[in-house]
Structure formats: C-alpha cells, structure tokens
Protein backbone atom coordinates (compact mmCIF):
# COMPACT_ATOMS: atom_id res chain seq x y z
CA MET A 1 -59.39 11.12 -107.56
CA TRP A 2 -59.37 7.81 -110.01
CA ALA A 3 -55.90 8.63 -111.10
CA ILE A 4 -54.76 8.17 -107.73
CA ILE A 5 -56.54 5.26 -106.77
CA ALA A 6 -55.24 3.46 -110.23
CA ALA A 7 -51.89 4.26 -109.15
CA LEU A 8 -52.52 2.93 -105.66
CA VAL A 9 -53.76 -0.44 -107.11
CA VAL A 10 -50.64 -0.74 -109.16
CA ALA A 11 -48.75 -0.58 -105.96
CA PHE A 12 -50.54 -3.02 -104.34
CA VAL A 13 -50.57 -5.43 -106.98
CA GLY A 14 -51.29 -8.79 -105.82
CA THR A 15 -53.44 -7.68 -102.94
CA PHE A 16 -56.56 -6.72 -104.58
CA SER A 17 -57.75 -4.96 -108.07
CA VAL A 18 -60.75 -2.73 -109.14
CA ARG A 19 -62.96 -3.38 -112.39
CA ALA A 20 -61.44 -1.61 -115.53
CA GLN A 21 -64.46 0.13 -115.86
CA GLY A 22 -64.82 0.92 -112.08
CA ASN A 23 -64.95 4.42 -111.54
CA ASP A 24 -67.50 3.68 -109.41
CA GLU A 25 -65.43 1.46 -107.27
CA ASP A 26 -64.20 3.22 -103.74
CA LEU A 27 -61.06 2.23 -102.27
CA GLY A 28 -62.48 2.24 -98.85
CA ALA A 29 -65.12 -0.30 -100.01
CA ARG A 30 -62.31 -2.73 -100.33
CA TYR A 31 -61.45 -2.36 -96.48
CA ALA A 32 -63.11 -2.97 -93.19
CA LEU A 33 -63.94 0.03 -90.71
CA PRO A 34 -61.18 0.57 -88.72
CA ASP A 35 -60.94 -1.28 -85.10
CA ILE A 36 -58.67 -0.84 -82.31
CA LEU A 37 -55.53 -2.68 -82.82
CA ASN A 38 -55.22 -5.24 -79.63
CA GLY A 39 -52.07 -6.40 -78.03
CA VAL A 40 -49.87 -3.00 -78.38
CA ASN A 41 -51.99 -0.06 -76.73
CA THR A 42 -51.98 1.40 -73.38
CA ALA A 43 -53.28 4.65 -71.29
CA LYS A 44 -50.36 6.34 -73.02
CA ASP A 45 -49.70 7.15 -76.47
CA GLU A 46 -48.65 4.59 -79.20
CA TYR A 47 -48.16 5.75 -82.92
CA ALA A 48 -45.40 5.49 -85.60
CA PRO A 49 -46.31 2.03 -86.84
CA ARG A 50 -44.18 0.55 -89.41
CA TYR A 51 -42.94 -2.88 -90.88
CA ASP A 52 -39.40 -3.78 -90.67
CA PRO A 53 -38.80 -5.90 -93.70
CA LEU A 54 -35.37 -6.93 -92.29
CA ARG A 55 -36.65 -8.75 -89.10
CA LYS A 56 -40.20 -9.38 -90.68
CA SER A 57 -41.78 -7.73 -87.52
CA PHE A 58 -43.96 -4.84 -86.64
CA VAL A 59 -42.46 -1.60 -85.23
CA TYR A 60 -44.06 1.15 -83.32
CA ALA A 61 -43.30 3.89 -80.74
CA THR A 62 -44.92 3.89 -77.33
CA GLU A 63 -44.82 6.10 -74.27
CA ARG A 64 -45.84 3.70 -71.99
CA ASN A 65 -42.71 4.31 -69.71
CA GLY A 66 -42.92 8.13 -69.64
CA PHE A 67 -41.11 8.64 -72.80
CA ALA A 68 -40.82 7.89 -76.56
CA GLU A 69 -39.36 4.42 -76.95
CA THR A 70 -39.49 2.05 -80.02
CA TRP A 71 -41.09 -1.46 -79.71
CA TRP A 72 -41.76 -4.53 -82.01
CA CYS A 73 -43.46 -7.70 -81.98
CA ALA A 74 -44.16 -10.49 -84.01
CA LEU A 75 -46.84 -10.76 -86.90
CA GLY A 76 -49.46 -13.50 -85.75
CA SER A 77 -50.63 -15.93 -88.56
CA HIS A 78 -54.20 -14.74 -88.44
CA ALA A 79 -56.39 -11.58 -87.44
CA GLU A 80 -56.97 -12.90 -83.54
CA GLU A 81 -53.33 -12.90 -83.18
CA PHE A 82 -52.26 -10.15 -85.69
CA LEU A 83 -49.72 -8.74 -83.07
CA LYS A 84 -47.98 -10.78 -80.41
CA ASP A 85 -45.11 -10.39 -77.57
CA PRO A 86 -44.13 -6.79 -77.87
CA SER A 87 -41.15 -5.51 -76.22
CA PRO A 88 -38.57 -2.75 -76.63
CA ALA A 89 -36.67 -3.20 -79.60
CA ASP A 90 -33.02 -4.46 -79.36
CA GLY A 91 -29.75 -2.28 -79.90
CA THR A 92 -28.89 1.28 -78.71
CA PHE A 93 -31.55 3.14 -80.39
CA ASN A 94 -33.79 3.36 -77.24
CA GLU A 95 -32.13 5.02 -74.22
CA SER A 96 -33.81 5.71 -71.21
CA GLY A 97 -35.49 9.32 -71.24
CA ARG A 98 -34.12 9.97 -74.72
CA GLN A 99 -37.26 10.16 -76.77
CA ARG A 100 -36.58 7.93 -79.83
CA ALA A 101 -39.28 7.28 -82.36
CA PHE A 102 -40.56 7.39 -86.17
CA VAL A 103 -38.32 4.74 -87.28
CA THR A 104 -38.61 3.92 -91.08
CA PHE A 105 -37.33 1.03 -93.70
CA SER A 106 -36.28 1.02 -97.02
CA ALA A 107 -37.24 -2.36 -98.47
CA ASP A 108 -33.62 -3.59 -97.44
CA GLY A 109 -34.03 -2.80 -93.89
CA ALA A 110 -31.76 0.49 -93.93
CA ALA A 111 -33.35 2.73 -91.21
CA MET A 112 -33.76 6.29 -90.09
CA GLY A 113 -35.29 7.56 -87.11
CA VAL A 114 -35.83 10.59 -84.61
CA ALA A 115 -33.75 11.76 -81.70
CA TYR A 116 -33.09 15.22 -80.06
CA LEU A 117 -30.24 16.61 -81.22
CA ARG A 118 -27.78 19.66 -80.20
CA ARG A 119 -27.94 22.88 -82.09
CA GLY A 120 -25.72 25.32 -80.14
CA ALA A 121 -27.14 25.99 -76.83
CA SER A 122 -30.40 24.32 -77.34
CA HIS A 123 -31.70 20.81 -78.37
CA VAL A 124 -33.89 20.55 -81.35
CA VAL A 125 -35.87 17.24 -82.72
CA GLY A 126 -33.78 16.06 -85.82
CA VAL A 127 -33.33 12.83 -88.14
CA ILE A 128 -30.61 10.21 -87.52
CA THR A 129 -29.61 6.98 -89.13
CA VAL A 130 -30.24 4.06 -87.32
CA PRO A 131 -27.53 1.45 -88.25
CA ARG A 132 -28.67 -2.10 -88.25
CA ASP A 133 -26.84 -4.99 -86.47
CA GLY A 134 -28.32 -8.41 -86.84
CA GLY A 135 -31.31 -6.62 -87.05
CA LYS A 136 -30.99 -4.40 -84.19
CA LEU A 137 -32.11 -0.42 -84.31
CA ASN A 138 -28.83 1.46 -83.12
CA THR A 139 -28.23 5.15 -82.77
CA GLY A 140 -26.46 6.54 -85.79
CA LEU A 141 -25.57 10.01 -86.99
CA PRO A 142 -27.36 13.10 -87.86
CA VAL A 143 -28.67 13.29 -91.50
CA ASP A 144 -27.42 16.89 -91.71
CA VAL A 145 -29.22 18.08 -94.65
CA CYS A 146 -32.56 17.17 -93.03
CA ASN A 147 -31.88 18.86 -90.03
CA ALA A 148 -32.00 22.65 -89.05
CA SER A 149 -32.17 24.92 -86.01
CA THR A 150 -35.66 23.94 -85.71
CA PHE A 151 -37.95 21.02 -85.60
CA SER A 152 -37.30 18.29 -88.24
CA SER A 153 -38.92 15.07 -87.79
CA TYR A 154 -41.23 11.98 -89.42
CA PRO A 155 -38.67 10.77 -91.91
CA ALA A 156 -40.06 8.17 -94.56
CA LEU A 157 -37.78 6.28 -96.63
CA SER A 158 -38.80 5.29 -99.92
CA PRO A 159 -38.96 1.28 -100.57
CA ASP A 160 -35.85 1.58 -103.11
CA GLY A 161 -33.91 4.10 -100.65
CA THR A 162 -33.61 6.55 -103.14
CA ARG A 163 -36.19 9.28 -101.73
CA LEU A 164 -36.66 10.69 -98.16
CA VAL A 165 -39.81 12.71 -97.24
CA PHE A 166 -39.90 14.60 -93.84
CA ALA A 167 -41.60 17.68 -92.18
CA SER A 168 -39.95 20.48 -91.03
CA LYS A 169 -40.61 24.25 -89.72
CA ARG A 170 -37.46 25.36 -91.71
CA GLU A 171 -39.19 27.47 -93.91
CA GLY A 172 -41.93 28.92 -91.60
CA SER A 173 -43.94 28.48 -88.43
CA SER A 174 -46.01 25.60 -89.88
CA LEU A 175 -44.78 22.09 -90.69
CA ASP A 176 -44.10 21.41 -94.37
CA LEU A 177 -42.93 18.41 -96.17
CA PHE A 178 -39.90 18.19 -97.78
CA MET A 179 -38.12 15.68 -100.02
CA SER A 180 -34.32 14.60 -100.44
CA GLU A 181 -32.97 12.41 -102.93
CA ARG A 182 -30.03 10.01 -102.73
CA LEU A 183 -26.95 10.89 -104.81
CA PRO A 184 -25.10 8.00 -106.64
CA GLY A 185 -22.30 8.36 -104.15
CA GLY A 186 -25.10 7.82 -101.18
CA GLU A 187 -25.14 11.15 -99.81
CA TRP A 188 -28.33 13.10 -99.80
CA ARG A 189 -29.25 16.19 -101.67
CA GLU A 190 -30.25 19.60 -100.19
CA PRO A 191 -33.93 18.82 -99.62
CA VAL A 192 -36.71 20.94 -101.30
CA VAL A 193 -40.16 21.99 -99.90
CA LEU A 194 -42.92 19.95 -101.74
CA SER A 195 -45.65 22.10 -103.58
CA SER A 196 -48.65 23.69 -102.14
CA VAL A 197 -50.50 21.02 -103.91
CA LEU A 198 -49.06 19.02 -100.58
CA ASN A 199 -48.31 21.66 -98.06
CA SER A 200 -51.02 23.64 -96.73
CA PRO A 201 -50.78 26.98 -94.72
CA HIS A 202 -51.20 24.74 -91.83
CA ASP A 203 -49.51 21.12 -90.55
CA GLU A 204 -48.44 18.45 -92.75
CA ILE A 205 -46.88 15.50 -90.94
CA THR A 206 -45.93 11.83 -90.77
CA PRO A 207 -45.32 10.83 -94.56
CA CYS A 208 -44.99 7.24 -95.44
CA PHE A 209 -44.44 5.67 -98.88
CA LEU A 210 -46.55 3.22 -100.00
CA SER A 211 -44.38 2.86 -103.09
CA ASN A 212 -41.54 4.67 -104.78
CA ASP A 213 -44.31 6.79 -106.11
CA SER A 214 -47.24 7.02 -103.87
CA LEU A 215 -47.11 8.59 -100.30
CA LEU A 216 -49.48 8.85 -97.55
CA PHE A 217 -49.56 11.69 -94.95
CA ALA A 218 -51.33 13.41 -92.57
CA SER A 219 -52.48 16.95 -92.50
CA ASN A 220 -54.72 19.92 -90.48
CA GLY A 221 -55.14 22.23 -93.30
CA ALA A 222 -56.13 20.23 -96.29
CA GLY A 223 -59.76 19.93 -95.53
CA GLY A 224 -61.17 16.59 -94.09
CA ARG A 225 -63.40 15.59 -91.19
CA GLY A 226 -61.50 17.32 -88.52
CA GLY A 227 -58.15 17.98 -86.57
CA TYR A 228 -55.30 15.42 -88.61
CA ASP A 229 -56.86 13.44 -91.44
CA LEU A 230 -54.98 11.28 -93.84
CA PHE A 231 -54.18 11.71 -97.63
CA LEU A 232 -52.62 9.90 -100.25
CA THR A 233 -50.79 11.29 -103.12
CA VAL A 234 -48.76 9.65 -106.21
CA TYR A 235 -45.60 11.04 -107.85
CA VAL A 236 -46.33 11.25 -111.75
CA ASN A 237 -44.15 12.81 -114.32
CA GLY A 238 -42.13 14.56 -111.56
CA THR A 239 -44.78 15.70 -109.84
CA TRP A 240 -46.48 15.08 -106.90
CA GLN A 241 -50.64 14.91 -107.61
CA GLU A 242 -53.62 16.26 -105.61
CA PRO A 243 -53.77 14.42 -102.49
CA GLU A 244 -57.07 12.66 -101.96
CA PRO A 245 -58.47 11.72 -98.06
CA LEU A 246 -58.59 8.15 -96.85
CA GLU A 247 -62.13 9.00 -96.14
CA TRP A 248 -63.08 5.56 -94.43
CA LEU A 249 -60.11 6.12 -92.11
CA ASN A 250 -60.77 9.62 -90.86
CA SER A 251 -62.72 10.74 -88.18
CA GLU A 252 -63.69 14.34 -86.67
CA PHE A 253 -60.68 13.49 -84.39
CA ASP A 254 -57.02 13.31 -85.18
CA GLU A 255 -55.60 10.47 -87.43
CA SER A 256 -51.85 10.32 -88.67
CA ASP A 257 -48.99 7.91 -88.90
CA CYS A 258 -50.25 5.53 -91.51
CA SER A 259 -48.48 2.61 -92.90
CA ARG A 260 -49.40 -0.47 -94.66
CA MET A 261 -48.44 -3.89 -93.53
CA PRO A 262 -47.47 -7.07 -95.97
CA ASP A 263 -50.90 -8.52 -95.64
CA GLY A 264 -52.53 -5.20 -96.85
CA SER A 265 -53.88 -3.53 -93.74
CA PHE A 266 -53.88 -0.02 -92.84
CA ILE A 267 -52.30 0.93 -89.44
CA PHE A 268 -52.77 4.38 -87.86
CA THR A 269 -52.99 6.26 -84.85
CA SER A 270 -55.97 8.11 -83.75
CA ASN A 271 -57.22 9.97 -80.29
CA ARG A 272 -61.04 9.21 -81.23
CA PRO A 273 -62.79 7.64 -78.28
CA GLY A 274 -62.98 4.09 -77.92
CA GLY A 275 -59.28 3.19 -76.95
CA PRO A 276 -57.42 2.52 -73.57
CA GLY A 277 -56.05 6.58 -73.78
CA GLY A 278 -54.13 9.21 -75.43
CA TYR A 279 -53.28 8.13 -79.23
CA ASP A 280 -53.88 4.48 -79.97
CA LEU A 281 -53.12 2.11 -83.00
CA TYR A 282 -56.02 1.12 -85.24
CA ARG A 283 -56.42 -1.40 -88.21
CA SER A 284 -58.19 -1.47 -91.19
CA SER A 285 -58.09 -5.11 -93.06
CA PRO A 286 -58.61 -5.87 -96.67
CA LEU A 287 -62.11 -7.43 -96.92
CA GLN A 288 -62.30 -11.09 -98.45
CA THR A 289 -63.19 -11.54 -101.85
C-alpha cells in the first residue's frame, strides 16, 4: 500500500507531502471528507468530471436534457465559488439526442470521447477522437483499435498522450480495462487487456490518469464498501501494482468517474443519498496544513 501512496505523492509533488518515516500517514487524512459539488448537479445524472488544460475549465457530462451532453464551466478562485457559469461545450461534439460524454484530455489539450458508432446493423458505444478548434470540442473519427462489435467506453489519456486506457466487453461478458500505447507515428497499438491484478471477474470502469504512471478506476468486483468503489494503481517496471481503495471517498453506494483538479481536489460521481437525484458530483479538497 505504501509504495502506491509514495508514487502518488511523487505525482502530486507541490500539492502535499508525507513524512519520510510516515507509514502511519493515510492519504485520506490529507483530504476533507467528500461533499456535494455545488453549481452543477441536477435531478438527472452528472458524471465524467475532467479538467481541460487548453481552456483551463471544468468539463463534465450531464443528462439534464434527457440525454448525455458534455458541459463545461469556469473554475472559481475560492471554495465557495469553485465552479461557475455551466453551459454546453462549444463545438460539434454535442448533438441533440446523440449521447456524447466521457471526454478525456492529455496535458496539451488533445481529447477523446464517447459516441454511438454503427457496427453492421446495430449501434454500439465506442471511442472517438475529439478535435479541438480554438478550444472547442468537435466530433472526430472512431479510434478503431479501441472499438469492436460490443461496448467500448470510458477512455483515459495519459498526460503525455502516450497511453490510452479504456473499458470494453471485447473479451467477455464483464467490462475489463485495456491499454493501448501510441506508436512513434501517432497511431495506436492493438490494445492489451490489463492483468487480473486490476481486472476482476466483474466490471472495471471509468479509468483516469493522475500521472503517466498512476491510474484511478472504479470496480464492483475488487472488494470494497459496496457497489462500485474507487481504486488507485501505479505502473512500476512495466507492471500495474495491486490497486488500493480510496477509502475516504468510497461508500456502500456507487462511486466512479474520479479525477483530480489543479488545486489537488478529487471530484467523483456517486449515487449516495444527499444529492438532488441520480448520480451527482462530489468533491474532496486537500486540507490546509
């Protein structure tokens, strides 16, 4: 466990540190307990929070209009005004009734997202590129190596843009995490399923890179407090390490879609009681030291 926490500290350098001898330090002790994120939640589902480094804005998915749309809003300068002025993202990515969500960004602002794709006589969820035009989010092309005749979704780009992790049913009835690496010419390698260290007999979903070598994801089969829980793993010497639960974020309800904002706070989605309805976005902020 402490190897993972040490790696996470390296990824978060400048945000906090632990004592060198601090095996009694719990990462959760550095963060406030999660609270409802004001300004964006509705009686419908909100999920898929991300930070867009190109526009320096908060991006998320909402079903307030009856289908999945990607919205963004400004980051305020203090906790009481953390998010302000939510609105649908500019560009062609949002199309009425088309179910567009789960946009992910590399550090330079390159993006991918999720849309329904035609496969033979049916439509299946798949991963597409999201070209940027002055910061807009536009509908791009299918990322063919990720997509199959079955569900593929939840893309996550590493900050340096060289790794892509996503969830798919391409090898069975449950959702597993797969990873593709970018070739020197810019194309993507054929994805490989991640090991059983990460993938359980049940579902693994919503990966998100914290750094090039640290990954958050949700699982309902890796043990935890109930439903989907949030886990962290790090990549060491070519191997993803045993994931550790983020206990202070998890509950007996579903938690998923976790990411980290520039101020160090974790934002995730949960259907725990206390929100306006459905899946809502929650925030856990670093404690002041």
